[in-house]
Each structure stands twice: as C-alpha cells, then as structure tokens.
Amino acid sequence: MPEALTGSTVPRRQLGRYLRDLRNGSRLTVRAAALSLEWSEAKIWRIETGQTSLRSLDVEAMCKVYNAPDDLTQALKGLAKETKARGWWHAYGDVIPDGFDLYIGLEEAASSLSWYESELVPGLFQTADYARVLIETDNPGVPEEEIARRVRLRIARQSLLTRATSAPELNVVLNEAVLRRPVGGNQVIAQQLNRLLEIGDLPNVTLKVAAFESGLHHGTMSGPFVILRFPVDSQGRAAEPPTVYADGFTGALYLDKPNEVERYSTAFENIRNAALDASASRTLISQAAGSYA
C-alpha cells in the first residue's frame, strides 16, 4: 500500500474544480477574480486547473471573494492542506469533513468509467430503497432526515447516465455475489435487479456479470474499483489524467500515476474477459430477480 501512495494530483484537481465552480457561480470572470484578489490571471488559471498547491489562507481569500458558505470554506481549506502531499489516501473525518464527497466531482467530469464491484450494486445504479438500506447500515444513529438527504443525493447523481450532452460511457462488471445477496429483503433486491436490467439497455452502458463459475480472476484480489478517464481535446490530450478510485471502510484511495492506472486497467480487462457476455449476463440477472419474486 505505501508504494501506491505517491504522486497523486487529485487533491489539487478537485480543489481547482470547486474553486472554479464557485467563481462561475458568483458570475466573476477570471480577470475580475484576479483583480479582486490582486493576483495574476495566470495564477487563477493554474489553481483552477490543478497545477499548483495552495495555502489555506489563499483558499479562504478566494472563498470570501466568491461568497462561499462557511462550511464549504472550511472543507476547501482542509483540502488545500492535502495539495502538498505526494500521494493521497483520503481518510474520512480527518481534515476534510465526512459529508464532503470529493469523488462526485471526478465522476461528473469523467467521459468514461470502467467499474468493477464485488459485493454491492454501484451507486449510479441503485434504487432509492436499496441505497437507503446501505446508507442506514453504514451510518448507525444518523437522524432520519440526514439519511433521506443522502439517499436523494445518491439518486440525483444518476442523472449523469442520461444527461443530454456528454453522458459518460460505463463499462461495468459485477461479481455474481452482488446478485445473490438479498440486501433489504426479497422485494428490495428484486426491484434492484430489475433496475439493473433497465440500465443495461442504455446505449452508453455495458453491463456484465463475473459468474462464480468463472473461477479466479483479478477482481478476486483487487476488490472493487473504478477507473475514470476524462475528455480529450482536438489533439487527443486529456484534460485530466486517468484516475483510479477505490473506496474503503475508513477512507478512499485515489491513484493517478501511469503505472498504477495501467495495473488496474490490466486487471479490469482480465475481469471483463472472465465475465459472461452482455446477453448471458442479462439472462443471469433476470433469473436472479425472478428467484426473489
């Protein structure tokens, strides 16, 4: 694990993305923001494109100009402290608040996602009832209104699957265990599996199942992960480097060194090749759904 935690640009990129969104939300041009902060336009551009680390005091100054709320300002100041790190393991509840979801910004910006899940349905594919069971289980003692808010946010994320412009391409492989675990009881899991069948019909989604009979494959050892890739310009240059995201029980791992991304890419190809084809996967999902009826 320690060898993997080197060279990540994710904190800088995410901080830049949030600050750019705040500037746009306040209807300030780069020039106007630079004048207000007494900085150069080039400095604003480097910050927003994640090319430089940033001090907490600078973040505070930008948030003040952009009229950011206090809770967001504090979260971004915490994120700024991470921009000087060589690598990044984001532990929940440290300098960045637990409820501040950094992954969502990456997901929204991605042009494609290669996703392997070993135990649970991916968040982008979850029904509200299935999501509620997971969120309640993962957050004992959290008030009902907060649970409901998190469920709404999770479901709202799914709009990117069908957004009118630049909907991402998703290549998803589920371990068969996802189909066999009756999360929330028979009715909830049956509805969830039927939802998977609907999503599998989307033109930008390829959904496969790694059946138990496939035997050993790289996903058995890697655990769940997502490889996010980003849009390219007319010269074929990506706006951001590919990034691997792996969520854990106490934190999230972000990797963007080329050798790290390559290793996960190789693993995903191995998993996809071991999986059933799309048609056979659909049949297996349908059979599993019927078994819970």
C-alpha atoms as a PDB file:
ATOM      1  CA  MET A   1       0.000   0.000   0.000  1.00  0.00           C
ATOM      2  CA  PRO A   2       2.656   2.665   0.852  1.00  0.00           C
ATOM      3  CA  GLU A   3       4.234   2.360  -2.618  1.00  0.00           C
ATOM      4  CA  ALA A   4       0.901   3.266  -4.218  1.00  0.00           C
ATOM      5  CA  LEU A   5       0.541   6.498  -2.283  1.00  0.00           C
ATOM      6  CA  THR A   6       2.887   8.684  -4.316  1.00  0.00           C
ATOM      7  CA  GLY A   7       2.458  11.411  -6.889  1.00  0.00           C
ATOM      8  CA  SER A   8      -1.314  11.979  -6.811  1.00  0.00           C
ATOM      9  CA  THR A   9      -2.628  15.261  -8.244  1.00  0.00           C
ATOM     10  CA  VAL A  10      -6.206  14.520  -7.192  1.00  0.00           C
ATOM     11  CA  PRO A  11      -6.396  16.990  -4.252  1.00  0.00           C
ATOM     12  CA  ARG A  12      -5.187  19.867  -6.449  1.00  0.00           C
ATOM     13  CA  ARG A  13      -7.529  18.977  -9.288  1.00  0.00           C
ATOM     14  CA  GLN A  14     -10.535  18.681  -7.023  1.00  0.00           C
ATOM     15  CA  LEU A  15      -9.774  21.913  -5.186  1.00  0.00           C
ATOM     16  CA  GLY A  16      -9.391  23.711  -8.511  1.00  0.00           C
ATOM     17  CA  ARG A  17     -12.694  22.299  -9.728  1.00  0.00           C
ATOM     18  CA  TYR A  18     -14.589  23.507  -6.658  1.00  0.00           C
ATOM     19  CA  LEU A  19     -12.999  26.959  -6.776  1.00  0.00           C
ATOM     20  CA  ARG A  20     -13.792  27.308 -10.483  1.00  0.00           C
ATOM     21  CA  ASP A  21     -17.415  26.351  -9.833  1.00  0.00           C
ATOM     22  CA  LEU A  22     -17.613  28.884  -7.012  1.00  0.00           C
ATOM     23  CA  ARG A  23     -16.195  31.610  -9.262  1.00  0.00           C
ATOM     24  CA  ASN A  24     -18.646  30.780 -12.035  1.00  0.00           C
ATOM     25  CA  GLY A  25     -21.479  30.679  -9.508  1.00  0.00           C
ATOM     26  CA  SER A  26     -20.592  34.183  -8.360  1.00  0.00           C
ATOM     27  CA  ARG A  27     -20.569  35.337 -12.019  1.00  0.00           C
ATOM     28  CA  LEU A  28     -16.962  36.500 -11.905  1.00  0.00           C
ATOM     29  CA  THR A  29     -14.609  36.224 -14.851  1.00  0.00           C
ATOM     30  CA  VAL A  30     -11.037  35.075 -14.285  1.00  0.00           C
ATOM     31  CA  ARG A  31      -9.962  38.684 -14.830  1.00  0.00           C
ATOM     32  CA  ALA A  32     -12.442  40.054 -12.288  1.00  0.00           C
ATOM     33  CA  ALA A  33     -11.420  37.443  -9.707  1.00  0.00           C
ATOM     34  CA  ALA A  34      -7.743  38.205 -10.265  1.00  0.00           C
ATOM     35  CA  LEU A  35      -8.363  41.930  -9.781  1.00  0.00           C
ATOM     36  CA  SER A  36     -10.314  41.350  -6.570  1.00  0.00           C
ATOM     37  CA  LEU A  37      -7.595  39.095  -5.160  1.00  0.00           C
ATOM     38  CA  GLU A  38      -4.719  41.219  -6.538  1.00  0.00           C
ATOM     39  CA  TRP A  39      -3.320  38.150  -8.299  1.00  0.00           C
ATOM     40  CA  SER A  40      -2.450  37.462 -11.915  1.00  0.00           C
ATOM     41  CA  GLU A  41      -4.964  35.783 -14.204  1.00  0.00           C
ATOM     42  CA  ALA A  42      -2.353  33.075 -14.796  1.00  0.00           C
ATOM     43  CA  LYS A  43      -2.350  32.237 -11.088  1.00  0.00           C
ATOM     44  CA  ILE A  44      -6.132  31.802 -11.081  1.00  0.00           C
ATOM     45  CA  TRP A  45      -5.856  29.583 -14.151  1.00  0.00           C
ATOM     46  CA  ARG A  46      -3.130  27.417 -12.578  1.00  0.00           C
ATOM     47  CA  ILE A  47      -5.213  26.983  -9.427  1.00  0.00           C
ATOM     48  CA  GLU A  48      -8.384  26.078 -11.295  1.00  0.00           C
ATOM     49  CA  THR A  49      -6.601  23.538 -13.480  1.00  0.00           C
ATOM     50  CA  GLY A  50      -4.933  21.868 -10.502  1.00  0.00           C
ATOM     51  CA  GLN A  51      -1.401  22.777 -11.493  1.00  0.00           C
ATOM     52  CA  THR A  52      -0.314  24.245  -8.177  1.00  0.00           C
ATOM     53  CA  SER A  53      -0.680  23.604  -4.477  1.00  0.00           C
ATOM     54  CA  LEU A  54      -2.475  26.206  -2.405  1.00  0.00           C
ATOM     55  CA  ARG A  55      -2.305  27.617   1.103  1.00  0.00           C
ATOM     56  CA  SER A  56      -5.349  27.587   3.345  1.00  0.00           C
ATOM     57  CA  LEU A  57      -5.160  31.384   3.629  1.00  0.00           C
ATOM     58  CA  ASP A  58      -5.358  31.718  -0.160  1.00  0.00           C
ATOM     59  CA  VAL A  59      -8.377  29.434  -0.272  1.00  0.00           C
ATOM     60  CA  GLU A  60     -10.037  31.470   2.448  1.00  0.00           C
ATOM     61  CA  ALA A  61      -9.426  34.664   0.462  1.00  0.00           C
ATOM     62  CA  MET A  62     -10.914  33.156  -2.693  1.00  0.00           C
ATOM     63  CA  CYS A  63     -13.938  31.812  -0.860  1.00  0.00           C
ATOM     64  CA  LYS A  64     -14.550  35.265   0.637  1.00  0.00           C
ATOM     65  CA  VAL A  65     -14.493  36.898  -2.810  1.00  0.00           C
ATOM     66  CA  TYR A  66     -16.801  34.164  -4.146  1.00  0.00           C
ATOM     67  CA  ASN A  67     -19.201  34.403  -1.169  1.00  0.00           C
ATOM     68  CA  ALA A  68     -18.815  30.721  -0.331  1.00  0.00           C
ATOM     69  CA  PRO A  69     -20.668  29.428   2.754  1.00  0.00           C
ATOM     70  CA  ASP A  70     -18.597  28.833   5.879  1.00  0.00           C
ATOM     71  CA  ASP A  71     -18.892  25.039   5.854  1.00  0.00           C
ATOM     72  CA  LEU A  72     -17.670  24.807   2.271  1.00  0.00           C
ATOM     73  CA  THR A  73     -14.844  27.255   3.007  1.00  0.00           C
ATOM     74  CA  GLN A  74     -13.652  25.085   5.893  1.00  0.00           C
ATOM     75  CA  ALA A  75     -13.829  21.943   3.759  1.00  0.00           C
ATOM     76  CA  LEU A  76     -11.802  23.543   0.968  1.00  0.00           C
ATOM     77  CA  LYS A  77      -9.229  24.852   3.450  1.00  0.00           C
ATOM     78  CA  GLY A  78      -8.842  21.263   4.650  1.00  0.00           C
ATOM     79  CA  LEU A  79      -8.454  20.090   1.076  1.00  0.00           C
ATOM     80  CA  ALA A  80      -5.779  22.739   0.484  1.00  0.00           C
ATOM     81  CA  LYS A  81      -3.675  21.164   3.228  1.00  0.00           C
ATOM     82  CA  GLU A  82      -3.651  17.968   1.154  1.00  0.00           C
ATOM     83  CA  THR A  83      -2.432  19.613  -2.074  1.00  0.00           C
ATOM     84  CA  LYS A  84       1.197  19.455  -0.976  1.00  0.00           C
ATOM     85  CA  ALA A  85       1.053  15.716  -0.281  1.00  0.00           C
ATOM     86  CA  ARG A  86       2.978  13.432  -2.638  1.00  0.00           C
ATOM     87  CA  GLY A  87       0.195  10.881  -2.605  1.00  0.00           C
ATOM     88  CA  TRP A  88      -3.270  10.709  -1.239  1.00  0.00           C
ATOM     89  CA  TRP A  89      -5.290   8.487   0.991  1.00  0.00           C
ATOM     90  CA  HIS A  90      -8.382  10.466   1.954  1.00  0.00           C
ATOM     91  CA  ALA A  91      -9.396   9.256   5.423  1.00  0.00           C
ATOM     92  CA  TYR A  92     -12.964  10.032   6.404  1.00  0.00           C
ATOM     93  CA  GLY A  93     -13.341  12.536   9.205  1.00  0.00           C
ATOM     94  CA  ASP A  94      -9.817  13.964   9.085  1.00  0.00           C
ATOM     95  CA  VAL A  95      -9.164  17.492   7.799  1.00  0.00           C
ATOM     96  CA  ILE A  96     -11.913  17.056   5.202  1.00  0.00           C
ATOM     97  CA  PRO A  97     -15.433  16.644   6.633  1.00  0.00           C
ATOM     98  CA  ASP A  98     -17.100  13.256   6.307  1.00  0.00           C
ATOM     99  CA  GLY A  99     -20.021  14.622   4.297  1.00  0.00           C
ATOM    100  CA  PHE A 100     -17.831  16.363   1.709  1.00  0.00           C
ATOM    101  CA  ASP A 101     -17.833  13.919  -1.193  1.00  0.00           C
ATOM    102  CA  LEU A 102     -14.761  14.513  -3.343  1.00  0.00           C
ATOM    103  CA  TYR A 103     -15.433  11.604  -5.672  1.00  0.00           C
ATOM    104  CA  ILE A 104     -18.608  13.121  -7.137  1.00  0.00           C
ATOM    105  CA  GLY A 105     -16.668  15.901  -8.856  1.00  0.00           C
ATOM    106  CA  LEU A 106     -14.465  13.351 -10.604  1.00  0.00           C
ATOM    107  CA  GLU A 107     -17.466  11.265 -11.618  1.00  0.00           C
ATOM    108  CA  GLU A 108     -19.274  14.246 -13.138  1.00  0.00           C
ATOM    109  CA  ALA A 109     -16.201  15.278 -15.153  1.00  0.00           C
ATOM    110  CA  ALA A 110     -15.367  11.800 -16.469  1.00  0.00           C
ATOM    111  CA  SER A 111     -16.017  10.750 -20.057  1.00  0.00           C
ATOM    112  CA  SER A 112     -15.796   7.036 -19.243  1.00  0.00           C
ATOM    113  CA  LEU A 113     -15.821   4.778 -16.198  1.00  0.00           C
ATOM    114  CA  SER A 114     -14.544   1.207 -16.023  1.00  0.00           C
ATOM    115  CA  TRP A 115     -16.138  -0.171 -12.866  1.00  0.00           C
ATOM    116  CA  TYR A 116     -15.808  -3.455 -11.001  1.00  0.00           C
ATOM    117  CA  GLU A 117     -17.994  -4.182  -7.980  1.00  0.00           C
ATOM    118  CA  SER A 118     -17.549  -7.335  -5.937  1.00  0.00           C
ATOM    119  CA  GLU A 119     -20.272  -7.097  -3.289  1.00  0.00           C
ATOM    120  CA  LEU A 120     -22.801  -4.305  -3.887  1.00  0.00           C
ATOM    121  CA  VAL A 121     -24.637  -2.573  -6.723  1.00  0.00           C
ATOM    122  CA  PRO A 122     -22.772   0.605  -7.848  1.00  0.00           C
ATOM    123  CA  GLY A 123     -24.221   3.839  -6.511  1.00  0.00           C
ATOM    124  CA  LEU A 124     -25.108   5.067 -10.006  1.00  0.00           C
ATOM    125  CA  PHE A 125     -27.352   2.027 -10.472  1.00  0.00           C
ATOM    126  CA  GLN A 126     -29.021   1.835  -7.045  1.00  0.00           C
ATOM    127  CA  THR A 127     -32.733   2.187  -6.381  1.00  0.00           C
ATOM    128  CA  ALA A 128     -33.750   4.515  -3.544  1.00  0.00           C
ATOM    129  CA  ASP A 129     -34.786   1.591  -1.315  1.00  0.00           C
ATOM    130  CA  TYR A 130     -31.521  -0.281  -1.893  1.00  0.00           C
ATOM    131  CA  ALA A 131     -29.492   2.896  -1.283  1.00  0.00           C
ATOM    132  CA  ARG A 132     -31.387   3.596   1.933  1.00  0.00           C
ATOM    133  CA  VAL A 133     -30.563   0.173   3.365  1.00  0.00           C
ATOM    134  CA  LEU A 134     -26.857   0.665   2.647  1.00  0.00           C
ATOM    135  CA  ILE A 135     -26.739   4.212   3.998  1.00  0.00           C
ATOM    136  CA  GLU A 136     -28.618   3.288   7.186  1.00  0.00           C
ATOM    137  CA  THR A 137     -26.351   0.297   7.774  1.00  0.00           C
ATOM    138  CA  ASP A 138     -23.202   2.355   7.208  1.00  0.00           C
ATOM    139  CA  ASN A 139     -24.376   5.249   9.396  1.00  0.00           C
ATOM    140  CA  PRO A 140     -25.958   3.917  12.608  1.00  0.00           C
ATOM    141  CA  GLY A 141     -27.580   6.590  14.744  1.00  0.00           C
ATOM    142  CA  VAL A 142     -27.755   9.193  11.954  1.00  0.00           C
ATOM    143  CA  PRO A 143     -31.110  11.085  12.013  1.00  0.00           C
ATOM    144  CA  GLU A 144     -33.756  10.075   9.501  1.00  0.00           C
ATOM    145  CA  GLU A 145     -33.707  13.465   7.759  1.00  0.00           C
ATOM    146  CA  GLU A 146     -29.979  13.109   7.097  1.00  0.00           C
ATOM    147  CA  ILE A 147     -30.465   9.574   5.788  1.00  0.00           C
ATOM    148  CA  ALA A 148     -33.178  10.844   3.455  1.00  0.00           C
ATOM    149  CA  ARG A 149     -30.924  13.674   2.259  1.00  0.00           C
ATOM    150  CA  ARG A 150     -28.082  11.259   1.430  1.00  0.00           C
ATOM    151  CA  VAL A 151     -30.473   8.970  -0.440  1.00  0.00           C
ATOM    152  CA  ARG A 152     -31.718  11.935  -2.514  1.00  0.00           C
ATOM    153  CA  LEU A 153     -28.153  12.965  -3.329  1.00  0.00           C
ATOM    154  CA  ARG A 154     -27.243   9.449  -4.418  1.00  0.00           C
ATOM    155  CA  ILE A 155     -30.260   9.179  -6.692  1.00  0.00           C
ATOM    156  CA  ALA A 156     -29.647  12.684  -8.086  1.00  0.00           C
ATOM    157  CA  ARG A 157     -26.165  11.576  -9.205  1.00  0.00           C
ATOM    158  CA  GLN A 158     -27.770   9.101 -11.580  1.00  0.00           C
ATOM    159  CA  SER A 159     -28.902  11.889 -13.906  1.00  0.00           C
ATOM    160  CA  LEU A 160     -25.445  11.831 -15.494  1.00  0.00           C
ATOM    161  CA  LEU A 161     -26.295   8.431 -17.021  1.00  0.00           C
ATOM    162  CA  THR A 162     -28.838  10.077 -19.317  1.00  0.00           C
ATOM    163  CA  ARG A 163     -27.687  13.697 -19.460  1.00  0.00           C
ATOM    164  CA  ALA A 164     -28.337  15.323 -22.820  1.00  0.00           C
ATOM    165  CA  THR A 165     -24.714  16.184 -23.568  1.00  0.00           C
ATOM    166  CA  SER A 166     -21.629  14.075 -22.967  1.00  0.00           C
ATOM    167  CA  ALA A 167     -23.160  11.259 -20.958  1.00  0.00           C
ATOM    168  CA  PRO A 168     -20.201   9.091 -19.877  1.00  0.00           C
ATOM    169  CA  GLU A 169     -19.559   5.623 -21.226  1.00  0.00           C
ATOM    170  CA  LEU A 170     -19.808   2.979 -18.495  1.00  0.00           C
ATOM    171  CA  ASN A 171     -18.249  -0.464 -18.693  1.00  0.00           C
ATOM    172  CA  VAL A 172     -19.364  -2.273 -15.551  1.00  0.00           C
ATOM    173  CA  VAL A 173     -18.685  -5.769 -14.293  1.00  0.00           C
ATOM    174  CA  LEU A 174     -20.486  -7.114 -11.239  1.00  0.00           C
ATOM    175  CA  ASN A 175     -19.400 -10.146  -9.284  1.00  0.00           C
ATOM    176  CA  GLU A 176     -22.265 -12.672  -9.127  1.00  0.00           C
ATOM    177  CA  ALA A 177     -22.314 -12.201  -5.334  1.00  0.00           C
ATOM    178  CA  VAL A 178     -23.969  -8.811  -5.964  1.00  0.00           C
ATOM    179  CA  LEU A 179     -26.987 -10.645  -7.394  1.00  0.00           C
ATOM    180  CA  ARG A 180     -27.141 -13.263  -4.673  1.00  0.00           C
ATOM    181  CA  ARG A 181     -27.073 -11.030  -1.591  1.00  0.00           C
ATOM    182  CA  PRO A 182     -30.692 -10.061  -0.656  1.00  0.00           C
ATOM    183  CA  VAL A 183     -29.917  -6.544   0.576  1.00  0.00           C
ATOM    184  CA  GLY A 184     -33.061  -5.140   2.167  1.00  0.00           C
ATOM    185  CA  GLY A 185     -35.041  -8.361   1.676  1.00  0.00           C
ATOM    186  CA  ASN A 186     -36.532 -10.072  -1.338  1.00  0.00           C
ATOM    187  CA  GLN A 187     -38.693  -7.195  -2.577  1.00  0.00           C
ATOM    188  CA  VAL A 188     -35.913  -4.611  -2.413  1.00  0.00           C
ATOM    189  CA  ILE A 189     -33.333  -6.776  -4.155  1.00  0.00           C
ATOM    190  CA  ALA A 190     -35.815  -7.929  -6.813  1.00  0.00           C
ATOM    191  CA  GLN A 191     -36.626  -4.296  -7.663  1.00  0.00           C
ATOM    192  CA  GLN A 192     -32.930  -3.509  -7.682  1.00  0.00           C
ATOM    193  CA  LEU A 193     -32.088  -6.302 -10.098  1.00  0.00           C
ATOM    194  CA  ASN A 194     -34.893  -5.236 -12.402  1.00  0.00           C
ATOM    195  CA  ARG A 195     -33.421  -1.744 -12.296  1.00  0.00           C
ATOM    196  CA  LEU A 196     -30.110  -3.230 -13.453  1.00  0.00           C
ATOM    197  CA  LEU A 197     -31.892  -4.725 -16.453  1.00  0.00           C
ATOM    198  CA  GLU A 198     -33.276  -1.281 -17.341  1.00  0.00           C
ATOM    199  CA  ILE A 199     -29.890   0.394 -17.024  1.00  0.00           C
ATOM    200  CA  GLY A 200     -28.269  -2.310 -19.126  1.00  0.00           C
ATOM    201  CA  ASP A 201     -30.447  -1.145 -22.039  1.00  0.00           C
ATOM    202  CA  LEU A 202     -28.910   2.353 -22.035  1.00  0.00           C
ATOM    203  CA  PRO A 203     -26.732   2.918 -25.125  1.00  0.00           C
ATOM    204  CA  ASN A 204     -23.785   4.177 -23.063  1.00  0.00           C
ATOM    205  CA  VAL A 205     -23.799   1.291 -20.556  1.00  0.00           C
ATOM    206  CA  THR A 206     -22.233  -2.151 -20.943  1.00  0.00           C
ATOM    207  CA  LEU A 207     -23.119  -4.387 -18.002  1.00  0.00           C
ATOM    208  CA  LYS A 208     -21.582  -7.811 -17.440  1.00  0.00           C
ATOM    209  CA  VAL A 209     -21.519 -10.348 -14.617  1.00  0.00           C
ATOM    210  CA  ALA A 210     -18.482 -12.307 -13.485  1.00  0.00           C
ATOM    211  CA  ALA A 211     -20.227 -15.580 -12.641  1.00  0.00           C
ATOM    212  CA  PHE A 212     -18.974 -17.845  -9.864  1.00  0.00           C
ATOM    213  CA  GLU A 213     -18.186 -20.434 -12.495  1.00  0.00           C
ATOM    214  CA  SER A 214     -15.622 -18.019 -13.990  1.00  0.00           C
ATOM    215  CA  GLY A 215     -13.262 -19.061 -11.222  1.00  0.00           C
ATOM    216  CA  LEU A 216     -10.315 -16.932 -10.142  1.00  0.00           C
ATOM    217  CA  HIS A 217      -9.847 -13.536 -11.814  1.00  0.00           C
ATOM    218  CA  HIS A 218      -8.083 -10.303 -10.885  1.00  0.00           C
ATOM    219  CA  GLY A 219     -11.177  -8.842  -9.209  1.00  0.00           C
ATOM    220  CA  THR A 220     -10.971 -11.579  -6.597  1.00  0.00           C
ATOM    221  CA  MET A 221      -7.729  -9.992  -5.416  1.00  0.00           C
ATOM    222  CA  SER A 222      -8.195  -6.313  -6.274  1.00  0.00           C
ATOM    223  CA  GLY A 223     -11.562  -5.688  -4.642  1.00  0.00           C
ATOM    224  CA  PRO A 224     -13.938  -3.069  -6.095  1.00  0.00           C
ATOM    225  CA  PHE A 225     -12.556  -0.094  -8.031  1.00  0.00           C
ATOM    226  CA  VAL A 226     -13.388   2.484 -10.688  1.00  0.00           C
ATOM    227  CA  ILE A 227     -11.084   3.784 -13.423  1.00  0.00           C
ATOM    228  CA  LEU A 228     -12.164   7.259 -14.501  1.00  0.00           C
ATOM    229  CA  ARG A 229     -10.984   8.738 -17.791  1.00  0.00           C
ATOM    230  CA  PHE A 230     -11.584  12.290 -18.928  1.00  0.00           C
ATOM    231  CA  PRO A 231     -12.406  14.131 -22.178  1.00  0.00           C
ATOM    232  CA  VAL A 232      -9.652  14.804 -24.708  1.00  0.00           C
ATOM    233  CA  ASP A 233      -9.096  17.883 -26.859  1.00  0.00           C
ATOM    234  CA  SER A 234      -8.660  18.041 -30.645  1.00  0.00           C
ATOM    235  CA  GLN A 235      -5.015  16.992 -30.233  1.00  0.00           C
ATOM    236  CA  GLY A 236      -6.017  13.934 -28.237  1.00  0.00           C
ATOM    237  CA  ARG A 237      -4.763  15.346 -24.942  1.00  0.00           C
ATOM    238  CA  ALA A 238      -6.843  14.571 -21.855  1.00  0.00           C
ATOM    239  CA  ALA A 239      -7.923  17.453 -19.652  1.00  0.00           C
ATOM    240  CA  GLU A 240      -7.030  15.356 -16.609  1.00  0.00           C
ATOM    241  CA  PRO A 241      -5.037  12.153 -16.140  1.00  0.00           C
ATOM    242  CA  PRO A 242      -6.926   8.874 -15.674  1.00  0.00           C
ATOM    243  CA  THR A 243      -7.642   8.182 -12.024  1.00  0.00           C
ATOM    244  CA  VAL A 244      -8.340   5.002 -10.085  1.00  0.00           C
ATOM    245  CA  TYR A 245     -10.765   5.283  -7.178  1.00  0.00           C
ATOM    246  CA  ALA A 246     -11.159   2.564  -4.565  1.00  0.00           C
ATOM    247  CA  ASP A 247     -13.499   3.130  -1.640  1.00  0.00           C
ATOM    248  CA  GLY A 248     -12.653   1.545   1.702  1.00  0.00           C
ATOM    249  CA  PHE A 249     -14.311   1.258   5.078  1.00  0.00           C
ATOM    250  CA  THR A 250     -12.297   4.115   6.621  1.00  0.00           C
ATOM    251  CA  GLY A 251     -11.172   6.064   3.583  1.00  0.00           C
ATOM    252  CA  ALA A 252     -10.817   6.340  -0.166  1.00  0.00           C
ATOM    253  CA  LEU A 253      -7.753   5.682  -2.304  1.00  0.00           C
ATOM    254  CA  TYR A 254      -7.051   7.867  -5.348  1.00  0.00           C
ATOM    255  CA  LEU A 255      -4.282   6.819  -7.769  1.00  0.00           C
ATOM    256  CA  ASP A 256      -3.176   8.581 -10.944  1.00  0.00           C
ATOM    257  CA  LYS A 257       0.424   7.533 -11.565  1.00  0.00           C
ATOM    258  CA  PRO A 258       0.606   5.897 -15.028  1.00  0.00           C
ATOM    259  CA  ASN A 259       1.933   2.574 -13.721  1.00  0.00           C
ATOM    260  CA  GLU A 260      -0.839   2.396 -11.114  1.00  0.00           C
ATOM    261  CA  VAL A 261      -3.559   3.149 -13.663  1.00  0.00           C
ATOM    262  CA  GLU A 262      -2.043   0.617 -16.063  1.00  0.00           C
ATOM    263  CA  ARG A 263      -2.092  -2.116 -13.432  1.00  0.00           C
ATOM    264  CA  TYR A 264      -5.772  -1.531 -12.685  1.00  0.00           C
ATOM    265  CA  SER A 265      -6.556  -1.286 -16.403  1.00  0.00           C
ATOM    266  CA  THR A 266      -4.950  -4.692 -16.939  1.00  0.00           C
ATOM    267  CA  ALA A 267      -6.938  -6.067 -14.005  1.00  0.00           C
ATOM    268  CA  PHE A 268     -10.187  -4.718 -15.438  1.00  0.00           C
ATOM    269  CA  GLU A 269      -9.519  -6.283 -18.826  1.00  0.00           C
ATOM    270  CA  ASN A 270      -8.883  -9.613 -17.100  1.00  0.00           C
ATOM    271  CA  ILE A 271     -12.146  -9.305 -15.142  1.00  0.00           C
ATOM    272  CA  ARG A 272     -14.130  -8.307 -18.237  1.00  0.00           C
ATOM    273  CA  ASN A 273     -12.709 -11.181 -20.257  1.00  0.00           C
ATOM    274  CA  ALA A 274     -13.622 -13.627 -17.477  1.00  0.00           C
ATOM    275  CA  ALA A 275     -17.196 -12.307 -17.272  1.00  0.00           C
ATOM    276  CA  LEU A 276     -20.217 -13.556 -19.171  1.00  0.00           C
ATOM    277  CA  ASP A 277     -21.077 -11.623 -22.312  1.00  0.00           C
ATOM    278  CA  ALA A 278     -23.759  -8.935 -22.094  1.00  0.00           C
ATOM    279  CA  SER A 279     -26.580 -11.238 -23.249  1.00  0.00           C
ATOM    280  CA  ALA A 280     -25.711 -14.083 -20.860  1.00  0.00           C
ATOM    281  CA  SER A 281     -25.235 -11.546 -18.065  1.00  0.00           C
ATOM    282  CA  ARG A 282     -28.713 -10.161 -18.681  1.00  0.00           C
ATOM    283  CA  THR A 283     -30.159 -13.673 -18.509  1.00  0.00           C
ATOM    284  CA  LEU A 284     -28.406 -14.335 -15.198  1.00  0.00           C
ATOM    285  CA  ILE A 285     -29.620 -11.052 -13.709  1.00  0.00           C
ATOM    286  CA  SER A 286     -33.184 -11.780 -14.852  1.00  0.00           C
ATOM    287  CA  GLN A 287     -33.054 -15.280 -13.340  1.00  0.00           C
ATOM    288  CA  ALA A 288     -31.747 -13.896 -10.063  1.00  0.00           C
ATOM    289  CA  ALA A 289     -34.502 -11.278  -9.958  1.00  0.00           C
ATOM    290  CA  GLY A 290     -37.096 -13.964 -10.548  1.00  0.00           C
ATOM    291  CA  SER A 291     -35.753 -16.049  -7.697  1.00  0.00           C
ATOM    292  CA  TYR A 292     -36.683 -13.281  -5.234  1.00  0.00           C
ATOM    293  CA  ALA A 293     -40.251 -12.836  -6.518  1.00  0.00           C
END
